[in-house]
Amino acid sequence: MGTFHERQGDQALLTEYDMAPAGWARVFGSDFRQRWSGDVSPGLDASFKGYQIGHDLYAWHLDNGRSQRVGLFVAHNRLDGKVQGFAEGFRNYETGHLKLSGQSLGAYWTLTTPGGGYVDAVAMGTRLDGRSRSVRGTGVDIEGHVMSLSAEAGYPLPLSQRWVAEPQLQIIYQRIDLQDQHDGIAHLGFDSQSYTTGRIGIRFKGRYQFSSVPIAPYLRANLWHTKDGHDTLTFDHAEQIRTEHRSTTGSIGAGMIATLSSKASLHWSADYLVDLGEQGTEGVNTSLGFRLVW
């Protein structure tokens, strides 16, 4: 799903109004190592890549100087990684390989204020397809759906004539439903509790001009926390393995917004993510997007 700035670039770019005023797109990727607490301490070393394409359907002014816009987007992403965990008497033992793809449809609503603040809400549904295969050759298909909801807000505070500090808050709710499967040996039942992830962040954004092109470099830092919840894998309706959702991570990153013309803009960002608890999560995320006014 990403953040508002990863999708739209910046609230300062949202200046057009009326019917279908602008479209946007981005590509993104990440390489990460993630660990979870639970019965077998599972882990995943993977790459995650995809794209999003969206369009503002309608944008309008309010009497108080604020503006609103609504839009739709589609997305496709793919995950490819190695699965690890406690097996054969060893921790972090490689147990298999996971390939997963998702096709998404989402809708968004964005409010911007005269002072540069924003509120952004997103609802997205994703269809999952993939396959998990163990090192012993047995495998199972993966089919399911994900419902994701996000609410995000930020407001810039001036530091100087060129720089602002923008505190941000975001909350994400997700629910994953996977179909039960059979791997040729046992019936596999999947149960995932819904979970909520919160983000507290700050972005320091500048304002410069390079060869007559306005650019806005920025630095950002975020603290992410996922509350309690767990996934449960049940073998033949009896034996269960539980994995906890709870995690706390921090990220630091940089990016830039370039206003190429009155009709086009380009934005880029990169972040380094590290676990602040005991899971050992670590990764690098990148995103490149553009916005076009018709």
Protein backbone atom coordinates (compact mmCIF):
# COMPACT_ATOMS: atom_id res chain seq x y z
CA MET A 1 0.00 0.00 0.00
CA GLY A 2 2.77 2.44 0.89
CA THR A 3 2.45 5.98 2.20
CA PHE A 4 0.74 9.02 0.70
CA HIS A 5 4.05 10.53 -0.44
CA GLU A 6 5.19 7.29 -2.06
CA ARG A 7 2.03 7.25 -4.16
CA GLN A 8 1.33 10.93 -4.91
CA GLY A 9 4.75 12.53 -4.39
CA ASP A 10 3.70 15.52 -2.29
CA GLN A 11 0.56 17.40 -1.30
CA ALA A 12 1.97 20.54 -2.96
CA LEU A 13 1.52 18.78 -6.34
CA LEU A 14 -2.25 18.42 -5.90
CA THR A 15 -3.26 21.72 -7.51
CA GLU A 16 -5.64 20.63 -10.29
CA TYR A 17 -9.41 20.23 -9.95
CA ASP A 18 -12.65 19.05 -11.60
CA MET A 19 -13.19 15.72 -13.38
CA ALA A 20 -10.28 13.27 -13.87
CA PRO A 21 -7.59 15.94 -13.48
CA ALA A 22 -4.44 13.81 -13.10
CA GLY A 23 -2.94 10.33 -13.06
CA TRP A 24 0.02 8.80 -11.26
CA ALA A 25 2.11 5.64 -11.19
CA ARG A 26 5.04 4.19 -9.29
CA VAL A 27 7.30 1.15 -9.22
CA PHE A 28 8.75 -0.14 -5.98
CA GLY A 29 10.99 -2.85 -4.64
CA SER A 30 12.53 -4.11 -1.43
CA ASP A 31 15.00 -6.71 -0.24
CA PHE A 32 14.46 -7.74 3.34
CA ARG A 33 15.04 -10.30 6.06
CA GLN A 34 12.17 -10.75 8.51
CA ARG A 35 11.78 -12.91 11.61
CA TRP A 36 8.71 -13.65 13.75
CA SER A 37 8.38 -14.98 17.27
CA GLY A 38 6.37 -18.13 17.79
CA ASP A 39 6.54 -21.89 18.12
CA VAL A 40 9.13 -22.43 15.35
CA SER A 41 10.55 -18.86 15.04
CA PRO A 42 9.90 -18.62 11.28
CA GLY A 43 11.85 -16.26 9.04
CA LEU A 44 11.84 -15.05 5.46
CA ASP A 45 14.66 -13.73 3.25
CA ALA A 46 12.93 -12.26 0.22
CA SER A 47 12.61 -9.66 -2.49
CA PHE A 48 9.34 -7.80 -3.04
CA LYS A 49 8.61 -5.86 -6.24
CA GLY A 50 5.58 -4.28 -7.84
CA TYR A 51 3.82 -1.29 -9.33
CA GLN A 52 0.77 0.89 -8.73
CA ILE A 53 -1.20 2.91 -11.29
CA GLY A 54 -3.84 5.38 -10.14
CA HIS A 55 -6.03 8.24 -11.28
CA ASP A 56 -7.81 11.08 -9.52
CA LEU A 57 -11.48 10.77 -10.47
CA TYR A 58 -12.64 14.13 -9.14
CA ALA A 59 -11.16 17.03 -7.16
CA TRP A 60 -12.96 20.05 -5.72
CA HIS A 61 -12.52 23.14 -3.52
CA LEU A 62 -14.20 23.72 -0.18
CA ASP A 63 -15.32 27.12 1.15
CA ASN A 64 -12.60 27.19 3.82
CA GLY A 65 -9.77 26.94 1.27
CA ARG A 66 -9.30 23.23 1.69
CA SER A 67 -9.58 20.78 -1.19
CA GLN A 68 -10.62 17.16 -1.58
CA ARG A 69 -10.06 14.50 -4.19
CA VAL A 70 -11.06 10.90 -4.70
CA GLY A 71 -9.49 8.30 -6.96
CA LEU A 72 -8.89 4.66 -7.83
CA PHE A 73 -5.73 2.60 -8.37
CA VAL A 74 -4.66 -0.88 -9.38
CA ALA A 75 -1.52 -2.68 -8.25
CA HIS A 76 0.48 -5.82 -8.89
CA ASN A 77 3.27 -7.18 -6.71
CA ARG A 78 5.40 -10.28 -6.44
CA LEU A 79 7.32 -11.81 -3.53
CA ASP A 80 10.08 -14.40 -3.93
CA GLY A 81 11.96 -15.70 -0.92
CA LYS A 82 13.51 -18.44 1.20
CA VAL A 83 11.67 -19.70 4.29
CA GLN A 84 13.62 -20.48 7.45
CA GLY A 85 12.81 -21.58 10.98
CA PHE A 86 13.49 -24.05 13.77
CA ALA A 87 13.79 -27.46 12.06
CA GLU A 88 15.99 -30.56 12.23
CA GLY A 89 17.13 -29.31 15.66
CA PHE A 90 18.57 -26.06 14.26
CA ARG A 91 17.40 -22.45 14.30
CA ASN A 92 17.26 -20.43 11.06
CA TYR A 93 17.31 -23.69 9.10
CA GLU A 94 16.24 -23.28 5.48
CA THR A 95 12.98 -25.19 5.10
CA GLY A 96 11.62 -24.12 1.73
CA HIS A 97 10.84 -21.50 -0.88
CA LEU A 98 7.89 -19.14 -1.25
CA LYS A 99 6.55 -17.42 -4.36
CA LEU A 100 3.55 -15.14 -4.03
CA SER A 101 1.83 -12.62 -6.29
CA GLY A 102 -0.95 -10.16 -5.57
CA GLN A 103 -3.39 -8.18 -7.71
CA SER A 104 -5.02 -5.23 -5.98
CA LEU A 105 -7.77 -2.68 -6.48
CA GLY A 106 -7.90 0.36 -4.23
CA ALA A 107 -9.71 3.65 -3.64
CA TYR A 108 -8.48 6.80 -1.90
CA TRP A 109 -9.72 10.12 -0.52
CA THR A 110 -7.36 13.01 0.18
CA LEU A 111 -7.93 16.31 1.97
CA THR A 112 -5.37 19.15 1.70
CA THR A 113 -5.31 22.42 3.65
CA PRO A 114 -4.08 25.94 2.74
CA GLY A 115 -1.23 25.50 5.25
CA GLY A 116 0.10 22.41 3.47
CA GLY A 117 -1.42 19.76 5.71
CA TYR A 118 -3.04 16.58 4.41
CA VAL A 119 -5.30 13.72 5.46
CA ASP A 120 -5.30 10.59 3.30
CA ALA A 121 -7.51 7.49 3.56
CA VAL A 122 -7.10 4.32 1.47
CA ALA A 123 -9.04 1.06 1.14
CA MET A 124 -7.50 -1.79 -0.86
CA GLY A 125 -8.43 -5.38 -1.62
CA THR A 126 -5.82 -7.88 -2.83
CA ARG A 127 -6.14 -11.34 -4.37
CA LEU A 128 -3.22 -13.66 -3.50
CA ASP A 129 -1.86 -16.53 -5.59
CA GLY A 130 1.33 -18.45 -5.05
CA ARG A 131 3.09 -21.63 -4.02
CA SER A 132 5.20 -22.76 -1.10
CA ARG A 133 7.59 -25.69 -1.56
CA SER A 134 9.66 -27.41 1.12
CA VAL A 135 13.27 -28.54 0.69
CA ARG A 136 11.92 -32.12 0.69
CA GLY A 137 9.91 -31.45 -2.47
CA THR A 138 6.39 -31.26 -1.07
CA GLY A 139 4.44 -28.14 -1.89
CA VAL A 140 1.15 -26.40 -1.42
CA ASP A 141 -0.71 -23.78 -3.42
CA ILE A 142 -1.56 -20.49 -1.73
CA GLU A 143 -4.82 -18.72 -2.47
CA GLY A 144 -6.49 -15.97 -0.49
CA HIS A 145 -7.51 -12.38 -0.07
CA VAL A 146 -6.25 -9.37 1.89
CA MET A 147 -8.24 -6.34 3.04
CA SER A 148 -6.16 -3.27 3.89
CA LEU A 149 -7.29 0.08 5.31
CA SER A 150 -5.05 3.09 5.95
CA ALA A 151 -5.52 6.56 7.45
CA GLU A 152 -2.64 9.05 7.38
CA ALA A 153 -2.13 12.72 8.26
CA GLY A 154 0.71 15.24 8.27
CA TYR A 155 1.27 18.97 8.70
CA PRO A 156 4.42 20.99 7.81
CA LEU A 157 5.98 23.34 10.35
CA PRO A 158 8.40 25.99 8.98
CA LEU A 159 12.03 25.80 10.12
CA SER A 160 13.47 28.41 7.72
CA GLN A 161 12.67 29.99 4.37
CA ARG A 162 13.68 26.76 2.62
CA TRP A 163 12.96 23.95 5.07
CA VAL A 164 9.94 22.55 6.91
CA ALA A 165 9.50 19.75 9.44
CA GLU A 166 6.41 17.61 8.86
CA PRO A 167 5.20 15.31 11.68
CA GLN A 168 3.15 12.38 10.36
CA LEU A 169 0.81 9.76 11.77
CA GLN A 170 -0.51 6.66 10.02
CA ILE A 171 -2.54 3.64 11.06
CA ILE A 172 -2.98 0.53 8.88
CA TYR A 173 -5.47 -2.29 9.42
CA GLN A 174 -5.06 -5.61 7.60
CA ARG A 175 -7.00 -8.84 7.43
CA ILE A 176 -5.62 -11.90 5.59
CA ASP A 177 -7.81 -14.88 4.67
CA LEU A 178 -6.11 -17.94 3.14
CA GLN A 179 -7.90 -21.00 1.81
CA ASP A 180 -7.21 -24.36 3.48
CA GLN A 181 -4.98 -26.69 1.46
CA HIS A 182 -3.62 -30.25 1.38
CA ASP A 183 0.07 -30.93 0.68
CA GLY A 184 -0.38 -34.65 -0.05
CA ILE A 185 0.45 -35.57 3.54
CA ALA A 186 -1.82 -33.51 5.77
CA HIS A 187 -4.69 -31.06 5.70
CA LEU A 188 -3.45 -27.51 6.32
CA GLY A 189 -5.74 -24.96 7.94
CA PHE A 190 -4.76 -21.28 7.95
CA ASP A 191 -6.11 -18.74 10.42
CA SER A 192 -4.79 -15.17 10.60
CA GLN A 193 -6.04 -12.65 13.11
CA SER A 194 -6.51 -9.11 11.83
CA TYR A 195 -3.81 -6.73 13.00
CA THR A 196 -3.08 -3.02 13.19
CA THR A 197 0.20 -1.26 12.43
CA GLY A 198 0.88 2.30 13.55
CA ARG A 199 3.49 4.71 12.21
CA ILE A 200 4.88 7.87 13.80
CA GLY A 201 7.21 9.79 11.52
CA ILE A 202 8.79 13.09 10.64
CA ARG A 203 9.90 14.44 7.27
CA PHE A 204 12.33 17.33 6.75
CA LYS A 205 11.68 18.83 3.32
CA GLY A 206 13.64 21.54 1.51
CA ARG A 207 12.87 23.77 -1.45
CA TYR A 208 15.48 24.55 -4.12
CA GLN A 209 15.87 25.14 -7.84
CA PHE A 210 18.28 23.33 -10.15
CA SER A 211 18.62 24.46 -13.80
CA SER A 212 15.17 26.10 -13.57
CA VAL A 213 13.63 22.85 -12.24
CA PRO A 214 12.09 23.14 -8.74
CA ILE A 215 13.28 20.28 -6.54
CA ALA A 216 12.33 19.33 -2.99
CA PRO A 217 14.84 17.02 -1.27
CA TYR A 218 13.81 15.45 2.00
CA LEU A 219 14.95 13.24 4.85
CA ARG A 220 12.56 11.16 6.91
CA ALA A 221 12.46 8.87 9.93
CA ASN A 222 9.68 6.52 11.03
CA LEU A 223 8.79 4.27 13.92
CA TRP A 224 6.48 1.35 13.02
CA HIS A 225 4.69 -0.83 15.57
CA THR A 226 2.38 -3.80 14.98
CA LYS A 227 0.11 -4.73 17.87
CA ASP A 228 -0.64 -8.18 19.21
CA GLY A 229 -2.18 -10.84 17.00
CA HIS A 230 -1.08 -14.15 15.55
CA ASP A 231 -1.28 -16.57 12.65
CA THR A 232 -2.12 -20.22 13.29
CA LEU A 233 -1.29 -23.16 11.00
CA THR A 234 -3.24 -26.32 11.89
CA PHE A 235 -2.23 -29.79 10.65
CA ASP A 236 -5.09 -32.31 10.24
CA HIS A 237 -7.33 -30.23 12.55
CA ALA A 238 -5.08 -31.08 15.52
CA GLU A 239 -1.45 -29.97 15.69
CA GLN A 240 -1.01 -26.18 15.67
CA ILE A 241 1.90 -23.83 15.03
CA ARG A 242 1.45 -20.20 16.07
CA THR A 243 3.34 -17.13 14.85
CA GLU A 244 3.05 -13.74 16.55
CA HIS A 245 2.43 -10.49 14.64
CA ARG A 246 3.87 -8.14 17.26
CA SER A 247 6.91 -6.15 16.08
CA THR A 248 8.59 -2.75 16.36
CA THR A 249 10.83 -1.38 13.61
CA GLY A 250 12.47 1.91 12.72
CA SER A 251 13.38 3.35 9.35
CA ILE A 252 15.40 6.25 7.99
CA GLY A 253 15.29 7.43 4.41
CA ALA A 254 15.75 10.14 1.83
CA GLY A 255 13.94 11.24 -1.28
CA MET A 256 13.39 13.99 -3.81
CA ILE A 257 10.49 15.57 -5.70
CA ALA A 258 11.21 17.24 -9.06
CA THR A 259 8.56 19.42 -10.72
CA LEU A 260 9.52 18.97 -14.37
CA SER A 261 6.75 21.21 -15.73
CA SER A 262 3.24 22.39 -14.89
CA LYS A 263 2.04 19.01 -16.17
CA ALA A 264 4.61 16.51 -14.90
CA SER A 265 6.51 15.69 -11.72
CA LEU A 266 8.86 12.91 -10.62
CA HIS A 267 9.48 11.58 -7.11
CA TRP A 268 11.94 9.06 -5.66
CA SER A 269 12.63 7.65 -2.20
CA ALA A 270 14.78 5.03 -0.47
CA ASP A 271 14.61 3.77 3.12
CA TYR A 272 16.57 1.47 5.41
CA LEU A 273 14.46 -0.54 7.86
CA VAL A 274 15.76 -2.23 11.01
CA ASP A 275 14.12 -4.16 13.84
CA LEU A 276 14.03 -2.49 17.27
CA GLY A 277 13.00 -5.64 19.11
CA GLU A 278 14.23 -9.22 18.96
CA GLN A 279 12.98 -10.35 15.53
CA GLY A 280 16.05 -9.28 13.53
CA THR A 281 14.11 -7.63 10.72
CA GLU A 282 16.24 -5.67 8.23
CA GLY A 283 15.62 -4.37 4.73
CA VAL A 284 15.93 -1.69 2.06
CA ASN A 285 12.93 -0.17 0.24
CA THR A 286 12.94 1.99 -2.91
CA SER A 287 10.16 3.73 -4.84
CA LEU A 288 10.09 5.75 -8.08
CA GLY A 289 6.93 7.49 -9.25
CA PHE A 290 5.55 10.22 -11.48
CA ARG A 291 2.41 12.33 -11.72
CA LEU A 292 0.82 13.71 -14.90
CA VAL A 293 -1.81 16.44 -15.23
CA TRP A 294 -4.05 16.10 -18.28
